[in-house]
Amino acid sequence: MSKANKYIISFFGIGYLKSFQGSFASLVGGIAWLCFIVLINPGFYTQLLLLLILIIISIRSINRYMVNSKSLDPDEIVIDEVCGIVISLLFMNLVSAEVSHLSNLKYFVVALLFFRILDGLKPSLIYRIQILDTPFSILLDDIIAGLISLVLTLSLRINLVL
């Protein structure tokens, strides 16, 4: 397996930390996406395209890594958490025309909390996907958690809570 693949699945080595790998990967990946949203202000299709590219790269990297892995869901794979938090933060710049940096920061914190709670507790549907124990289910449970947290945070922003 290549070094590049290890960097991808571990999100530049974060997956090899001793504890809280998923939380740190979500935090760092979320901050990177937040900076991208605030500085570049990408449109709807640009965000979807980048998410699609990220998911495709994640699927390919996870599949390559799992060929030699003895565990069904290795702790070092954290690229799935990065995909989940990116989904949680999609379109945050497109919902409201006039948003302050403080509002964006609050949105980020709430999205991160929703995502980490859903990813940690794994309610019903998310748990059922995770127990499939396939390379794709490693990623899919985080995609579902990201989608649920996206709906929750967008609802809060649309209703002017965030």
C-alpha atoms as a PDB file:
ATOM      1  CA  MET A   1       0.000   0.000   0.000  1.00  0.00           C
ATOM      2  CA  SER A   2       1.273   3.470  -0.848  1.00  0.00           C
ATOM      3  CA  LYS A   3       2.136   6.229   1.581  1.00  0.00           C
ATOM      4  CA  ALA A   4      -0.329   8.491  -0.199  1.00  0.00           C
ATOM      5  CA  ASN A   5      -3.161   6.064   0.557  1.00  0.00           C
ATOM      6  CA  LYS A   6      -2.172   5.968   4.242  1.00  0.00           C
ATOM      7  CA  TYR A   7      -2.171   9.765   4.333  1.00  0.00           C
ATOM      8  CA  ILE A   8      -5.643   9.840   2.791  1.00  0.00           C
ATOM      9  CA  ILE A   9      -7.308   7.261   5.055  1.00  0.00           C
ATOM     10  CA  SER A  10      -5.660   8.738   8.165  1.00  0.00           C
ATOM     11  CA  PHE A  11      -6.249  12.331   7.026  1.00  0.00           C
ATOM     12  CA  PHE A  12      -2.583  13.256   7.063  1.00  0.00           C
ATOM     13  CA  GLY A  13      -1.748  11.092  10.064  1.00  0.00           C
ATOM     14  CA  ILE A  14      -4.551  12.143  12.429  1.00  0.00           C
ATOM     15  CA  GLY A  15      -5.882   8.586  12.359  1.00  0.00           C
ATOM     16  CA  TYR A  16      -2.700   7.351  14.004  1.00  0.00           C
ATOM     17  CA  LEU A  17      -3.215   9.387  17.180  1.00  0.00           C
ATOM     18  CA  LYS A  18      -3.707   7.309  20.319  1.00  0.00           C
ATOM     19  CA  SER A  19      -7.242   8.536  21.068  1.00  0.00           C
ATOM     20  CA  PHE A  20     -10.028  10.768  19.737  1.00  0.00           C
ATOM     21  CA  GLN A  21      -8.873  10.286  16.146  1.00  0.00           C
ATOM     22  CA  GLY A  22     -12.371  10.786  14.721  1.00  0.00           C
ATOM     23  CA  SER A  23     -13.002  13.931  16.729  1.00  0.00           C
ATOM     24  CA  PHE A  24      -9.684  15.493  15.730  1.00  0.00           C
ATOM     25  CA  ALA A  25     -10.198  14.553  12.080  1.00  0.00           C
ATOM     26  CA  SER A  26     -13.699  16.075  12.168  1.00  0.00           C
ATOM     27  CA  LEU A  27     -12.362  19.235  13.785  1.00  0.00           C
ATOM     28  CA  VAL A  28      -9.431  19.716  11.396  1.00  0.00           C
ATOM     29  CA  GLY A  29     -11.448  18.750   8.312  1.00  0.00           C
ATOM     30  CA  GLY A  30     -14.298  21.006   9.426  1.00  0.00           C
ATOM     31  CA  ILE A  31     -11.990  23.964  10.000  1.00  0.00           C
ATOM     32  CA  ALA A  32     -10.468  23.450   6.548  1.00  0.00           C
ATOM     33  CA  TRP A  33     -13.940  23.347   4.948  1.00  0.00           C
ATOM     34  CA  LEU A  34     -15.089  26.373   6.972  1.00  0.00           C
ATOM     35  CA  CYS A  35     -12.070  28.369   5.783  1.00  0.00           C
ATOM     36  CA  PHE A  36     -12.814  27.305   2.212  1.00  0.00           C
ATOM     37  CA  ILE A  37     -16.452  28.399   2.549  1.00  0.00           C
ATOM     38  CA  VAL A  38     -15.607  31.750   4.147  1.00  0.00           C
ATOM     39  CA  LEU A  39     -12.647  32.664   1.926  1.00  0.00           C
ATOM     40  CA  ILE A  40     -13.749  31.324  -1.470  1.00  0.00           C
ATOM     41  CA  ASN A  41     -17.557  31.452  -1.075  1.00  0.00           C
ATOM     42  CA  PRO A  42     -18.145  28.564  -3.523  1.00  0.00           C
ATOM     43  CA  GLY A  43     -21.468  27.984  -5.188  1.00  0.00           C
ATOM     44  CA  PHE A  44     -23.848  25.065  -4.854  1.00  0.00           C
ATOM     45  CA  TYR A  45     -22.430  22.974  -7.716  1.00  0.00           C
ATOM     46  CA  THR A  46     -18.814  23.590  -6.728  1.00  0.00           C
ATOM     47  CA  GLN A  47     -19.497  22.297  -3.232  1.00  0.00           C
ATOM     48  CA  LEU A  48     -21.314  19.232  -4.565  1.00  0.00           C
ATOM     49  CA  LEU A  49     -18.516  18.496  -7.035  1.00  0.00           C
ATOM     50  CA  LEU A  50     -15.824  18.748  -4.349  1.00  0.00           C
ATOM     51  CA  LEU A  51     -17.861  16.532  -2.019  1.00  0.00           C
ATOM     52  CA  LEU A  52     -18.300  13.949  -4.772  1.00  0.00           C
ATOM     53  CA  ILE A  53     -14.551  13.955  -5.458  1.00  0.00           C
ATOM     54  CA  LEU A  54     -13.835  13.578  -1.730  1.00  0.00           C
ATOM     55  CA  ILE A  55     -16.255  10.646  -1.440  1.00  0.00           C
ATOM     56  CA  ILE A  56     -14.824   8.874  -4.507  1.00  0.00           C
ATOM     57  CA  ILE A  57     -11.258   9.285  -3.231  1.00  0.00           C
ATOM     58  CA  SER A  58     -12.381   8.055   0.208  1.00  0.00           C
ATOM     59  CA  ILE A  59     -14.092   4.955  -1.194  1.00  0.00           C
ATOM     60  CA  ARG A  60     -11.081   4.011  -3.297  1.00  0.00           C
ATOM     61  CA  SER A  61      -8.629   4.619  -0.450  1.00  0.00           C
ATOM     62  CA  ILE A  62     -10.682   2.707   2.122  1.00  0.00           C
ATOM     63  CA  ASN A  63     -11.105  -0.235  -0.268  1.00  0.00           C
ATOM     64  CA  ARG A  64      -7.341  -0.348  -0.918  1.00  0.00           C
ATOM     65  CA  TYR A  65      -6.556  -0.151   2.780  1.00  0.00           C
ATOM     66  CA  MET A  66      -9.059  -2.832   3.788  1.00  0.00           C
ATOM     67  CA  VAL A  67      -7.426  -5.435   1.516  1.00  0.00           C
ATOM     68  CA  ASN A  68      -4.551  -5.772   4.027  1.00  0.00           C
ATOM     69  CA  SER A  69      -6.422  -4.885   7.210  1.00  0.00           C
ATOM     70  CA  LYS A  70      -7.242  -7.410   9.899  1.00  0.00           C
ATOM     71  CA  SER A  71      -9.917  -5.204  11.511  1.00  0.00           C
ATOM     72  CA  LEU A  72     -13.378  -4.562  10.048  1.00  0.00           C
ATOM     73  CA  ASP A  73     -13.302  -0.869  11.031  1.00  0.00           C
ATOM     74  CA  PRO A  74      -9.733   0.232  11.808  1.00  0.00           C
ATOM     75  CA  ASP A  75      -9.332   3.258  14.080  1.00  0.00           C
ATOM     76  CA  GLU A  76      -6.807   4.855  11.735  1.00  0.00           C
ATOM     77  CA  ILE A  77      -9.437   5.317   9.010  1.00  0.00           C
ATOM     78  CA  VAL A  78     -10.755   8.821   9.680  1.00  0.00           C
ATOM     79  CA  ILE A  79     -11.370  10.102   6.166  1.00  0.00           C
ATOM     80  CA  ASP A  80     -14.986   9.011   6.709  1.00  0.00           C
ATOM     81  CA  GLU A  81     -15.315  11.531   9.551  1.00  0.00           C
ATOM     82  CA  VAL A  82     -13.947  14.239   7.268  1.00  0.00           C
ATOM     83  CA  CYS A  83     -16.599  13.386   4.659  1.00  0.00           C
ATOM     84  CA  GLY A  84     -19.284  13.503   7.349  1.00  0.00           C
ATOM     85  CA  ILE A  85     -18.318  16.926   8.677  1.00  0.00           C
ATOM     86  CA  VAL A  86     -18.002  18.337   5.163  1.00  0.00           C
ATOM     87  CA  ILE A  87     -21.547  17.154   4.472  1.00  0.00           C
ATOM     88  CA  SER A  88     -22.671  18.751   7.748  1.00  0.00           C
ATOM     89  CA  LEU A  89     -21.255  22.096   6.619  1.00  0.00           C
ATOM     90  CA  LEU A  90     -22.471  22.045   3.013  1.00  0.00           C
ATOM     91  CA  PHE A  91     -24.210  25.176   1.724  1.00  0.00           C
ATOM     92  CA  MET A  92     -23.798  27.118   4.967  1.00  0.00           C
ATOM     93  CA  ASN A  93     -22.785  30.145   2.895  1.00  0.00           C
ATOM     94  CA  LEU A  94     -25.793  29.869   0.599  1.00  0.00           C
ATOM     95  CA  VAL A  95     -28.655  29.818   3.094  1.00  0.00           C
ATOM     96  CA  SER A  96     -28.443  33.364   4.402  1.00  0.00           C
ATOM     97  CA  ALA A  97     -27.199  36.379   2.472  1.00  0.00           C
ATOM     98  CA  GLU A  98     -25.860  38.383   5.423  1.00  0.00           C
ATOM     99  CA  VAL A  99     -24.005  36.201   7.863  1.00  0.00           C
ATOM    100  CA  SER A 100     -21.281  37.336  10.254  1.00  0.00           C
ATOM    101  CA  HIS A 101     -18.110  35.465  11.132  1.00  0.00           C
ATOM    102  CA  LEU A 102     -19.522  34.869  14.614  1.00  0.00           C
ATOM    103  CA  SER A 103     -22.640  33.316  13.091  1.00  0.00           C
ATOM    104  CA  ASN A 104     -20.465  31.086  10.888  1.00  0.00           C
ATOM    105  CA  LEU A 105     -18.452  30.023  13.924  1.00  0.00           C
ATOM    106  CA  LYS A 106     -21.632  29.170  15.856  1.00  0.00           C
ATOM    107  CA  TYR A 107     -22.923  27.225  12.848  1.00  0.00           C
ATOM    108  CA  PHE A 108     -19.644  25.304  12.664  1.00  0.00           C
ATOM    109  CA  VAL A 109     -19.696  24.411  16.373  1.00  0.00           C
ATOM    110  CA  VAL A 110     -23.332  23.269  16.254  1.00  0.00           C
ATOM    111  CA  ALA A 111     -22.752  21.209  13.081  1.00  0.00           C
ATOM    112  CA  LEU A 112     -19.655  19.627  14.625  1.00  0.00           C
ATOM    113  CA  LEU A 113     -21.548  18.771  17.823  1.00  0.00           C
ATOM    114  CA  PHE A 114     -24.515  17.314  15.943  1.00  0.00           C
ATOM    115  CA  PHE A 115     -22.233  15.245  13.737  1.00  0.00           C
ATOM    116  CA  ARG A 116     -20.040  13.922  16.553  1.00  0.00           C
ATOM    117  CA  ILE A 117     -23.086  13.055  18.692  1.00  0.00           C
ATOM    118  CA  LEU A 118     -24.760  11.216  15.826  1.00  0.00           C
ATOM    119  CA  ASP A 119     -21.517   9.491  14.865  1.00  0.00           C
ATOM    120  CA  GLY A 120     -20.808   8.514  18.457  1.00  0.00           C
ATOM    121  CA  LEU A 121     -24.271   7.349  19.508  1.00  0.00           C
ATOM    122  CA  LYS A 122     -25.170   5.842  16.133  1.00  0.00           C
ATOM    123  CA  PRO A 123     -28.957   5.918  16.434  1.00  0.00           C
ATOM    124  CA  SER A 124     -31.043   3.338  14.542  1.00  0.00           C
ATOM    125  CA  LEU A 125     -30.328   3.786  10.816  1.00  0.00           C
ATOM    126  CA  ILE A 126     -26.697   4.799  11.329  1.00  0.00           C
ATOM    127  CA  TYR A 127     -26.064   1.751  13.522  1.00  0.00           C
ATOM    128  CA  ARG A 128     -27.761  -0.590  11.048  1.00  0.00           C
ATOM    129  CA  ILE A 129     -25.458   0.656   8.308  1.00  0.00           C
ATOM    130  CA  GLN A 130     -22.333   0.359  10.443  1.00  0.00           C
ATOM    131  CA  ILE A 131     -22.975  -3.275  11.390  1.00  0.00           C
ATOM    132  CA  LEU A 132     -22.932  -4.300   7.718  1.00  0.00           C
ATOM    133  CA  ASP A 133     -19.132  -4.528   8.157  1.00  0.00           C
ATOM    134  CA  THR A 134     -18.212  -3.745   4.575  1.00  0.00           C
ATOM    135  CA  PRO A 135     -15.599  -1.234   3.432  1.00  0.00           C
ATOM    136  CA  PHE A 136     -18.391   0.986   2.095  1.00  0.00           C
ATOM    137  CA  SER A 137     -20.331   0.875   5.386  1.00  0.00           C
ATOM    138  CA  ILE A 138     -17.287   2.459   7.091  1.00  0.00           C
ATOM    139  CA  LEU A 139     -18.006   5.561   5.023  1.00  0.00           C
ATOM    140  CA  LEU A 140     -21.779   5.314   4.644  1.00  0.00           C
ATOM    141  CA  ASP A 141     -22.620   5.609   8.357  1.00  0.00           C
ATOM    142  CA  ASP A 142     -20.721   8.903   8.492  1.00  0.00           C
ATOM    143  CA  ILE A 143     -22.410  10.133   5.319  1.00  0.00           C
ATOM    144  CA  ILE A 144     -25.829   9.475   6.900  1.00  0.00           C
ATOM    145  CA  ALA A 145     -24.765  11.169  10.172  1.00  0.00           C
ATOM    146  CA  GLY A 146     -23.513  14.117   8.107  1.00  0.00           C
ATOM    147  CA  LEU A 147     -26.785  14.369   6.190  1.00  0.00           C
ATOM    148  CA  ILE A 148     -28.842  14.335   9.385  1.00  0.00           C
ATOM    149  CA  SER A 149     -26.656  16.998  11.002  1.00  0.00           C
ATOM    150  CA  LEU A 150     -26.841  19.042   7.759  1.00  0.00           C
ATOM    151  CA  VAL A 151     -30.646  19.039   7.913  1.00  0.00           C
ATOM    152  CA  LEU A 152     -30.607  19.990  11.601  1.00  0.00           C
ATOM    153  CA  THR A 153     -28.099  22.844  11.256  1.00  0.00           C
ATOM    154  CA  LEU A 154     -29.633  24.212   8.059  1.00  0.00           C
ATOM    155  CA  SER A 155     -33.019  24.205   9.782  1.00  0.00           C
ATOM    156  CA  LEU A 156     -31.580  26.206  12.642  1.00  0.00           C
ATOM    157  CA  ARG A 157     -29.950  28.713  10.281  1.00  0.00           C
ATOM    158  CA  ILE A 158     -33.058  29.107   8.132  1.00  0.00           C
ATOM    159  CA  ASN A 159     -35.088  29.799  11.265  1.00  0.00           C
ATOM    160  CA  LEU A 160     -32.529  32.424  12.291  1.00  0.00           C
ATOM    161  CA  VAL A 161     -31.343  30.574  15.381  1.00  0.00           C
ATOM    162  CA  LEU A 162     -27.749  30.430  14.079  1.00  0.00           C
END
